[in-house]
Amino acid sequence: MNEAYDNHLTRTVTKTEAAPKSDAAAGGVVIKKPDSAQLPAENTKDEKIKFRKEREYIRIKTSPDRILMVLVLALVCIGSVTVFSASYPYAISQGYDSYYYVVRQVVFVVIGLILMTVAMRVPYDKYKYLAFGVYGVAMVLLVVVLLIGVGDESSSVKRWISIPGINITIQPSEIMKLGLVLLLSWYIGKYAEYIQKGAPLRLRIIYGVLIPAVIIFVPCGLVLLEKHLSGTIILMAVGIIVLFIGGASVPWIAAIYGSIGAVAVTVYLSLNSYALQRILTYFDENADALNEDWQTTQGLYSIGSGGLFGLGLGESRQKYGYVSQPQNDFIFTIWCEEMGYIGAVAVVLLFAALLWRGFIVARRAPDVFSSLVVYGIISHITLQAILNIMVVTSIIPNTGISLPFFSYGGSSLVMLMGEMGIVLSVSCHSRQQKL
């Protein structure tokens, strides 16, 4: 993908690198153009042109991508304001102070900003050494949460690990999203010659399909045991996206992974009647809007009530006991009610811009590992945002998917901002300058 840079570019330099006075016009970067002695021995016209093209660009270390940083901060700020607007009636109804959820969300934002700043300053190539560590820790936590986890007792759902004394919980599946992207990116970068086109089919199936299947489906299985179907779907989808971009065999992935996924979902739905009921309710035109279809129906009422310009920030009526826990998965419906169609489009455009800018960083990344990491992180965020919006607008069945940077929750927000710190670290090395 970007191997040409490793083989042909002269070097990576910084703007602050010292330069002789004679090179002041180069902005502090010493650029040495090849002289005739450096040209190939066979001085044919084609070889000279090829030699010069190989050294036409140089990679420069710069500050993090400002556009990407502004997009992330904008989403976090809008999300935090929306959490306060959506949560205070529910907080009061639960016996808490009206600021209960927003204060906690602000604390998570501060922690996330610190983590993003630290991650942004770590050299991008160091993250490949953390791949096994992050993935391994997430795997251990996924096992622990099944043993001592907390959650909804009425449905025996256990998705969080409670930290005693500080009233904070950790959701291991959020950590696994990053761990999976890091490990798959490292794996593909290391074994690309056996995965991509040109390798024997047997090797492509073993290295590009079967071994990655273990990396992907083991954590997916553990998340599914938490009765977290949406989290399982996102993990699997992100893993497949990274494999696809990394050059793995698409037909074999579709056949093998599709079969495993279909069997797993069928077994899960047969053992969990409430999940099956959600899907049946979605396809039932006569579903009771006052019972099993309550949340989706009220969410649609909320979106429709906003009209073109909305009722105004803080003026939602549906958050007063109609939309269930409005600060969580259905927070987008409250935003639509208060800010209208214009506000809804603005948020969608922010996520679209994040996707566009993230893919630019990934395309210009200095190596295969960093490129795949950025593709994986950005795909995870935008895919989750798309699925959340599709759920609350009743395009797909309600499966409980949070909206990135908006929905209340510490594990999700902190991990998202940490992931964006990694993307910003890679962006420091994504600029190329012509010689």
Protein backbone atom coordinates (compact mmCIF):
# COMPACT_ATOMS: atom_id res chain seq x y z
CA MET A 1 0.00 0.00 0.00
CA ASN A 2 2.59 2.56 1.14
CA GLU A 3 5.71 0.42 0.85
CA ALA A 4 7.12 2.71 -1.83
CA TYR A 5 7.79 5.30 0.84
CA ASP A 6 9.94 2.90 2.85
CA ASN A 7 11.96 1.93 -0.22
CA HIS A 8 12.32 5.15 -2.16
CA LEU A 9 11.77 8.28 -0.08
CA THR A 10 14.94 9.94 1.08
CA ARG A 11 13.94 10.47 4.74
CA THR A 12 11.39 11.90 7.16
CA VAL A 13 12.29 15.35 8.47
CA THR A 14 10.79 17.92 10.79
CA LYS A 15 10.24 21.57 10.22
CA THR A 16 12.49 22.42 13.13
CA GLU A 17 15.50 20.50 11.76
CA ALA A 18 18.55 22.73 11.53
CA ALA A 19 19.62 23.84 8.06
CA PRO A 20 22.54 25.84 6.71
CA LYS A 21 21.96 29.44 5.81
CA SER A 22 22.25 28.62 2.15
CA ASP A 23 19.24 26.36 2.54
CA ALA A 24 17.09 28.90 4.39
CA ALA A 25 14.73 29.10 1.47
CA ALA A 26 13.86 25.47 1.98
CA GLY A 27 12.14 26.33 5.27
CA GLY A 28 14.71 24.66 7.50
CA VAL A 29 14.68 21.37 5.57
CA VAL A 30 17.89 20.27 3.90
CA ILE A 31 17.05 18.77 0.53
CA LYS A 32 19.75 17.14 -1.52
CA LYS A 33 18.90 16.46 -5.12
CA PRO A 34 20.71 13.59 -6.82
CA ASP A 35 23.69 14.53 -8.96
CA SER A 36 24.74 12.75 -12.09
CA ALA A 37 26.99 10.40 -10.12
CA GLN A 38 23.96 9.03 -8.29
CA LEU A 39 22.11 8.12 -11.48
CA PRO A 40 21.94 4.47 -12.52
CA ALA A 41 24.87 3.04 -14.42
CA GLU A 42 22.65 2.43 -17.45
CA ASN A 43 21.71 6.01 -18.23
CA THR A 44 18.69 5.25 -20.31
CA LYS A 45 15.93 7.85 -20.49
CA ASP A 46 13.35 5.59 -18.79
CA GLU A 47 15.68 4.77 -15.88
CA LYS A 48 16.48 8.45 -15.30
CA ILE A 49 12.78 9.34 -15.20
CA LYS A 50 12.03 6.48 -12.80
CA PHE A 51 14.94 7.45 -10.55
CA ARG A 52 13.73 11.03 -10.30
CA LYS A 53 10.11 10.07 -9.65
CA GLU A 54 11.16 7.85 -6.78
CA ARG A 55 12.68 10.89 -5.07
CA GLU A 56 10.05 13.40 -6.09
CA TYR A 57 8.34 13.54 -2.68
CA ILE A 58 9.56 13.65 0.89
CA ARG A 59 7.52 12.94 4.05
CA ILE A 60 7.50 15.75 6.62
CA LYS A 61 6.56 15.49 10.28
CA THR A 62 4.05 18.21 11.14
CA SER A 63 1.52 19.06 13.80
CA PRO A 64 -1.65 16.91 14.09
CA ASP A 65 -4.36 17.35 11.48
CA ARG A 66 -6.23 20.49 12.57
CA ILE A 67 -9.40 19.76 10.62
CA LEU A 68 -9.69 16.32 12.21
CA MET A 69 -9.08 17.75 15.66
CA VAL A 70 -11.76 20.43 15.18
CA LEU A 71 -14.26 17.81 14.00
CA VAL A 72 -13.65 15.65 17.07
CA LEU A 73 -13.91 18.58 19.49
CA ALA A 74 -17.08 19.81 17.77
CA LEU A 75 -18.74 16.40 18.12
CA VAL A 76 -17.68 16.11 21.77
CA CYS A 77 -18.95 19.61 22.64
CA ILE A 78 -22.30 19.15 20.88
CA GLY A 79 -22.65 15.71 22.42
CA SER A 80 -21.98 16.98 25.95
CA VAL A 81 -24.54 19.77 25.61
CA THR A 82 -27.09 17.28 24.29
CA VAL A 83 -26.42 14.90 27.20
CA PHE A 84 -27.33 17.67 29.65
CA SER A 85 -30.42 18.70 27.73
CA ALA A 86 -31.64 15.11 27.37
CA SER A 87 -30.69 13.77 30.80
CA TYR A 88 -31.86 16.18 33.49
CA PRO A 89 -35.55 15.12 33.54
CA TYR A 90 -34.52 11.46 33.74
CA ALA A 91 -31.93 12.23 36.44
CA ILE A 92 -34.56 13.93 38.58
CA SER A 93 -36.98 11.05 38.06
CA GLN A 94 -34.32 8.67 39.38
CA GLY A 95 -33.74 10.79 42.49
CA TYR A 96 -30.48 12.37 41.33
CA ASP A 97 -29.49 15.99 40.95
CA SER A 98 -30.40 17.43 37.54
CA TYR A 99 -26.67 17.81 36.75
CA TYR A 100 -25.85 14.20 37.68
CA TYR A 101 -25.28 12.83 34.18
CA VAL A 102 -23.73 15.89 32.60
CA VAL A 103 -21.19 16.30 35.43
CA ARG A 104 -20.10 12.71 35.00
CA GLN A 105 -19.97 13.16 31.23
CA VAL A 106 -17.75 16.23 31.60
CA VAL A 107 -15.39 14.20 33.80
CA PHE A 108 -15.24 11.56 31.06
CA VAL A 109 -14.55 14.28 28.50
CA VAL A 110 -11.62 15.60 30.55
CA ILE A 111 -10.18 12.09 30.94
CA GLY A 112 -10.70 11.52 27.23
CA LEU A 113 -8.94 14.78 26.31
CA ILE A 114 -5.95 13.81 28.46
CA LEU A 115 -5.81 10.36 26.86
CA MET A 116 -6.17 11.83 23.37
CA THR A 117 -3.34 14.31 24.01
CA VAL A 118 -1.04 11.56 25.30
CA ALA A 119 -1.95 9.19 22.45
CA MET A 120 -1.38 11.97 19.93
CA ARG A 121 2.18 12.50 21.16
CA VAL A 122 3.18 8.83 21.07
CA PRO A 123 4.99 7.98 17.78
CA TYR A 124 2.61 6.04 15.57
CA ASP A 125 5.01 3.12 15.06
CA LYS A 126 5.06 2.39 18.81
CA TYR A 127 1.43 1.27 18.74
CA LYS A 128 2.28 -1.97 16.96
CA TYR A 129 4.09 -3.02 20.15
CA LEU A 130 0.89 -2.36 22.13
CA ALA A 131 -1.33 -4.45 19.88
CA PHE A 132 -0.98 -7.73 21.78
CA GLY A 133 -1.20 -5.94 25.13
CA VAL A 134 -4.44 -4.07 24.40
CA TYR A 135 -6.03 -7.12 22.78
CA GLY A 136 -4.91 -9.39 25.63
CA VAL A 137 -6.17 -7.08 28.38
CA ALA A 138 -9.51 -6.73 26.61
CA MET A 139 -9.79 -10.52 26.31
CA VAL A 140 -9.15 -10.98 30.03
CA LEU A 141 -11.72 -8.30 30.89
CA LEU A 142 -14.28 -9.94 28.58
CA VAL A 143 -13.88 -13.15 30.59
CA VAL A 144 -13.97 -11.31 33.92
CA VAL A 145 -17.17 -9.46 33.05
CA LEU A 146 -18.94 -12.79 32.53
CA LEU A 147 -17.93 -13.84 36.04
CA ILE A 148 -18.32 -10.70 38.16
CA GLY A 149 -19.89 -8.20 35.77
CA VAL A 150 -22.83 -5.93 36.51
CA GLY A 151 -25.75 -4.90 34.35
CA ASP A 152 -29.47 -5.29 33.91
CA GLU A 153 -30.57 -7.90 36.42
CA SER A 154 -34.01 -8.29 34.84
CA SER A 155 -32.46 -9.71 31.64
CA SER A 156 -29.29 -11.18 33.24
CA VAL A 157 -27.18 -8.92 31.01
CA LYS A 158 -23.62 -8.38 32.28
CA ARG A 159 -21.59 -5.91 30.23
CA TRP A 160 -19.75 -3.78 32.77
CA ILE A 161 -17.12 -4.24 35.47
CA SER A 162 -17.71 -2.06 38.52
CA ILE A 163 -14.72 -0.34 40.15
CA PRO A 164 -15.37 -0.25 43.90
CA GLY A 165 -15.30 3.06 45.73
CA ILE A 166 -15.54 5.46 42.77
CA ASN A 167 -18.91 4.48 41.24
CA ILE A 168 -17.44 3.97 37.77
CA THR A 169 -17.87 1.00 35.47
CA ILE A 170 -15.76 -0.27 32.56
CA GLN A 171 -17.20 -1.85 29.44
CA PRO A 172 -14.58 -4.31 28.08
CA SER A 173 -16.16 -4.54 24.62
CA GLU A 174 -15.20 -0.88 24.01
CA ILE A 175 -11.55 -1.69 24.73
CA MET A 176 -11.72 -4.72 22.44
CA LYS A 177 -12.75 -2.55 19.49
CA LEU A 178 -9.35 -0.85 19.62
CA GLY A 179 -7.49 -4.06 20.50
CA LEU A 180 -8.97 -5.86 17.50
CA VAL A 181 -8.03 -3.06 15.08
CA LEU A 182 -4.47 -2.86 16.42
CA LEU A 183 -3.83 -6.62 16.33
CA LEU A 184 -5.33 -7.16 12.87
CA SER A 185 -3.38 -4.20 11.48
CA TRP A 186 -0.13 -5.56 12.92
CA TYR A 187 -0.93 -9.05 11.64
CA ILE A 188 -1.71 -7.91 8.08
CA GLY A 189 1.37 -5.68 7.99
CA LYS A 190 3.56 -8.62 9.01
CA TYR A 191 2.03 -11.30 6.77
CA ALA A 192 0.85 -9.20 3.82
CA GLU A 193 2.81 -11.31 1.32
CA TYR A 194 0.73 -14.36 2.28
CA ILE A 195 -2.60 -12.51 2.42
CA GLN A 196 -2.76 -10.32 -0.66
CA LYS A 197 -3.16 -11.22 -4.33
CA GLY A 198 -0.25 -13.08 -5.83
CA ALA A 199 0.17 -15.49 -2.93
CA PRO A 200 -0.86 -19.16 -3.37
CA LEU A 201 -4.54 -19.73 -2.64
CA ARG A 202 -3.78 -22.12 0.22
CA LEU A 203 -1.66 -19.49 1.98
CA ARG A 204 -4.25 -16.79 1.34
CA ILE A 205 -6.94 -18.90 2.98
CA ILE A 206 -4.79 -19.84 5.99
CA TYR A 207 -3.20 -16.45 6.64
CA GLY A 208 -5.91 -14.19 5.25
CA VAL A 209 -9.08 -15.98 6.42
CA LEU A 210 -8.62 -18.74 9.00
CA ILE A 211 -6.08 -17.19 11.39
CA PRO A 212 -7.85 -13.79 11.37
CA ALA A 213 -11.09 -15.69 12.04
CA VAL A 214 -9.68 -16.79 15.40
CA ILE A 215 -8.59 -13.22 16.18
CA ILE A 216 -12.06 -11.89 15.35
CA PHE A 217 -14.51 -14.59 16.45
CA VAL A 218 -13.09 -15.39 19.90
CA PRO A 219 -13.82 -11.87 21.27
CA CYS A 220 -17.07 -11.78 19.27
CA GLY A 221 -18.15 -14.97 21.01
CA LEU A 222 -17.36 -13.53 24.44
CA VAL A 223 -19.27 -10.33 23.67
CA LEU A 224 -22.21 -12.39 22.44
CA LEU A 225 -22.23 -14.24 25.76
CA GLU A 226 -22.81 -10.84 27.36
CA LYS A 227 -26.03 -10.74 25.33
CA HIS A 228 -24.63 -7.77 23.44
CA LEU A 229 -25.66 -8.48 19.86
CA SER A 230 -24.99 -5.00 18.50
CA GLY A 231 -21.48 -4.98 19.99
CA THR A 232 -20.80 -8.36 18.39
CA ILE A 233 -21.98 -7.13 14.99
CA ILE A 234 -19.78 -4.02 15.16
CA LEU A 235 -16.69 -6.01 16.22
CA MET A 236 -17.18 -8.49 13.39
CA ALA A 237 -17.88 -5.75 10.83
CA VAL A 238 -14.78 -3.74 11.80
CA GLY A 239 -12.61 -6.85 11.60
CA ILE A 240 -13.91 -7.68 8.14
CA ILE A 241 -13.38 -4.08 6.96
CA VAL A 242 -9.73 -4.14 8.08
CA LEU A 243 -9.20 -7.51 6.35
CA PHE A 244 -10.86 -6.25 3.17
CA ILE A 245 -8.73 -3.11 3.02
CA GLY A 246 -5.66 -5.21 3.86
CA GLY A 247 -6.17 -7.29 0.71
CA ALA A 248 -7.65 -10.54 2.08
CA SER A 249 -9.74 -12.80 -0.16
CA VAL A 250 -13.26 -11.36 -0.19
CA PRO A 251 -15.11 -14.45 -1.54
CA TRP A 252 -13.61 -16.75 1.10
CA ILE A 253 -14.27 -14.23 3.89
CA ALA A 254 -17.87 -13.83 2.75
CA ALA A 255 -18.40 -17.60 2.60
CA ILE A 256 -16.70 -18.62 5.86
CA TYR A 257 -17.43 -15.59 8.02
CA GLY A 258 -20.96 -15.29 6.70
CA SER A 259 -21.70 -18.92 7.58
CA ILE A 260 -20.24 -18.61 11.08
CA GLY A 261 -22.08 -15.36 11.69
CA ALA A 262 -25.42 -16.73 10.47
CA VAL A 263 -25.15 -19.80 12.71
CA ALA A 264 -24.12 -17.71 15.73
CA VAL A 265 -27.00 -15.22 15.31
CA THR A 266 -29.52 -18.02 14.81
CA VAL A 267 -28.41 -19.79 17.99
CA TYR A 268 -28.36 -16.51 19.91
CA LEU A 269 -31.89 -15.57 18.89
CA SER A 270 -33.21 -19.02 19.68
CA LEU A 271 -31.77 -18.80 23.21
CA ASN A 272 -32.74 -15.19 23.90
CA SER A 273 -36.44 -14.60 23.36
CA TYR A 274 -36.30 -10.87 24.15
CA ALA A 275 -33.83 -10.27 21.29
CA LEU A 276 -35.97 -12.30 18.91
CA GLN A 277 -39.04 -10.37 20.04
CA ARG A 278 -37.37 -7.07 19.08
CA ILE A 279 -36.87 -8.30 15.54
CA LEU A 280 -40.38 -9.71 15.28
CA THR A 281 -41.78 -6.42 16.60
CA TYR A 282 -39.92 -4.52 13.92
CA PHE A 283 -41.58 -6.53 11.15
CA ASP A 284 -45.01 -6.51 12.82
CA GLU A 285 -47.11 -3.64 11.45
CA ASN A 286 -49.63 -4.17 14.23
CA ALA A 287 -47.11 -4.08 17.07
CA ASP A 288 -48.40 -2.40 20.22
CA ALA A 289 -47.03 1.15 20.28
CA LEU A 290 -47.81 1.34 24.01
CA ASN A 291 -45.86 -1.79 24.86
CA GLU A 292 -43.11 -3.57 22.89
CA ASP A 293 -42.79 -0.82 20.25
CA TRP A 294 -42.90 2.04 22.76
CA GLN A 295 -39.31 3.25 22.57
CA THR A 296 -39.08 3.28 18.77
CA THR A 297 -42.49 4.96 18.39
CA GLN A 298 -41.67 7.68 20.91
CA GLY A 299 -38.31 8.26 19.22
CA LEU A 300 -40.05 8.81 15.89
CA TYR A 301 -42.52 11.21 17.55
CA SER A 302 -39.55 13.09 18.94
CA ILE A 303 -37.86 13.39 15.54
CA GLY A 304 -41.08 14.44 13.85
CA SER A 305 -41.85 17.06 16.50
CA GLY A 306 -38.67 18.95 15.64
CA GLY A 307 -39.78 20.05 12.21
CA LEU A 308 -37.30 22.06 10.16
CA PHE A 309 -35.67 24.22 12.84
CA GLY A 310 -36.58 22.36 16.06
CA LEU A 311 -38.27 23.42 19.28
CA GLY A 312 -35.11 25.01 20.65
CA LEU A 313 -32.26 23.74 22.81
CA GLY A 314 -33.62 22.30 26.06
CA GLU A 315 -37.24 22.47 24.87
CA SER A 316 -37.81 18.79 24.08
CA ARG A 317 -41.08 17.37 25.40
CA GLN A 318 -40.38 13.71 24.66
CA LYS A 319 -37.53 13.53 27.18
CA TYR A 320 -40.05 13.85 30.02
CA GLY A 321 -40.65 10.13 30.43
CA TYR A 322 -41.60 9.30 26.84
CA VAL A 323 -38.23 8.38 25.26
CA SER A 324 -36.67 5.80 27.60
CA GLN A 325 -33.30 6.91 29.05
CA PRO A 326 -32.97 9.68 26.45
CA GLN A 327 -29.31 10.35 27.29
CA ASN A 328 -28.27 6.94 25.95
CA ASP A 329 -28.98 5.20 22.64
CA PHE A 330 -31.88 7.47 21.61
CA ILE A 331 -30.11 10.76 22.30
CA PHE A 332 -30.17 11.62 18.58
CA THR A 333 -33.97 11.78 18.68
CA ILE A 334 -33.82 14.47 21.38
CA TRP A 335 -31.28 16.42 19.35
CA CYS A 336 -33.59 16.25 16.32
CA GLU A 337 -36.58 17.41 18.36
CA GLU A 338 -34.72 20.41 19.76
CA MET A 339 -32.63 21.40 16.71
CA GLY A 340 -34.84 20.12 13.90
CA TYR A 341 -33.97 18.80 10.48
CA ILE A 342 -31.20 21.39 10.10
CA GLY A 343 -29.51 20.24 13.30
CA ALA A 344 -29.85 16.57 12.32
CA VAL A 345 -28.22 17.20 8.94
CA ALA A 346 -25.44 19.18 10.62
CA VAL A 347 -24.53 16.22 12.86
CA VAL A 348 -24.65 13.79 9.94
CA LEU A 349 -22.35 16.09 7.97
CA LEU A 350 -19.91 16.23 10.90
CA PHE A 351 -19.65 12.43 10.91
CA ALA A 352 -19.32 12.42 7.12
CA ALA A 353 -16.51 14.98 7.36
CA LEU A 354 -14.82 12.85 10.03
CA LEU A 355 -14.96 9.86 7.66
CA TRP A 356 -13.59 11.92 4.76
CA ARG A 357 -10.73 13.42 6.74
CA GLY A 358 -9.88 10.16 8.46
CA PHE A 359 -9.62 8.31 5.16
CA ILE A 360 -7.33 11.04 3.82
CA VAL A 361 -5.02 10.49 6.79
CA ALA A 362 -5.20 6.71 6.25
CA ARG A 363 -4.42 7.01 2.54
CA ARG A 364 -1.37 9.16 3.25
CA ALA A 365 -0.16 7.11 6.23
CA PRO A 366 3.53 6.17 6.22
CA ASP A 367 3.12 2.37 6.35
CA VAL A 368 0.62 -0.47 6.13
CA PHE A 369 0.14 -0.81 9.90
CA SER A 370 -0.69 2.85 10.56
CA SER A 371 -2.90 3.06 7.48
CA LEU A 372 -4.99 0.05 8.52
CA VAL A 373 -5.26 1.32 12.11
CA VAL A 374 -6.72 4.62 10.91
CA TYR A 375 -9.06 2.89 8.46
CA GLY A 376 -10.24 0.57 11.25
CA ILE A 377 -10.83 3.31 13.83
CA ILE A 378 -12.63 5.67 11.45
CA SER A 379 -14.73 2.80 10.04
CA HIS A 380 -15.73 1.74 13.55
CA ILE A 381 -16.88 5.25 14.51
CA THR A 382 -18.81 6.00 11.32
CA LEU A 383 -20.34 2.52 11.13
CA GLN A 384 -21.60 2.83 14.70
CA ALA A 385 -23.01 6.29 14.00
CA ILE A 386 -24.81 5.05 10.88
CA LEU A 387 -26.29 2.05 12.71
CA ASN A 388 -27.45 4.21 15.63
CA ILE A 389 -29.23 6.66 13.32
CA MET A 390 -30.78 3.77 11.40
CA VAL A 391 -32.08 2.28 14.67
CA VAL A 392 -33.65 5.46 16.05
CA THR A 393 -35.28 6.22 12.69
CA SER A 394 -36.67 2.64 12.57
CA ILE A 395 -34.78 1.67 9.42
CA ILE A 396 -33.42 -1.43 11.19
CA PRO A 397 -34.57 -3.23 14.36
CA ASN A 398 -33.72 -1.74 17.74
CA THR A 399 -30.53 -3.47 18.93
CA GLY A 400 -29.15 -0.93 21.42
CA ILE A 401 -26.31 0.94 19.68
CA SER A 402 -24.84 4.11 21.18
CA LEU A 403 -24.08 7.24 19.13
CA PRO A 404 -20.33 8.00 19.22
CA PHE A 405 -19.37 11.19 21.13
CA PHE A 406 -23.06 11.77 22.03
CA SER A 407 -24.47 8.94 24.10
CA TYR A 408 -23.78 9.05 27.83
CA GLY A 409 -21.08 6.63 28.92
CA GLY A 410 -17.50 6.77 30.14
CA SER A 411 -15.92 3.69 28.54
CA SER A 412 -17.17 4.55 25.07
CA LEU A 413 -16.26 8.24 25.16
CA VAL A 414 -12.81 7.79 26.72
CA MET A 415 -11.88 5.00 24.30
CA LEU A 416 -13.18 6.96 21.31
CA MET A 417 -11.05 9.97 22.19
CA GLY A 418 -8.04 7.74 22.81
CA GLU A 419 -8.55 6.18 19.38
CA MET A 420 -8.74 9.62 17.79
CA GLY A 421 -5.46 10.46 19.52
CA ILE A 422 -3.88 7.54 17.64
CA VAL A 423 -5.34 8.82 14.36
CA LEU A 424 -3.94 12.29 15.08
CA SER A 425 -0.55 10.75 15.82
CA VAL A 426 -0.55 9.13 12.39
CA SER A 427 -1.67 12.41 10.81
CA CYS A 428 1.57 14.02 11.99
CA HIS A 429 3.36 11.90 9.38
CA SER A 430 0.81 12.10 6.57
CA ARG A 431 2.09 15.24 4.86
CA GLN A 432 4.22 14.91 1.73
CA GLN A 433 6.21 17.70 0.12
CA LYS A 434 7.60 17.88 -3.40
CA LEU A 435 11.35 18.12 -3.73
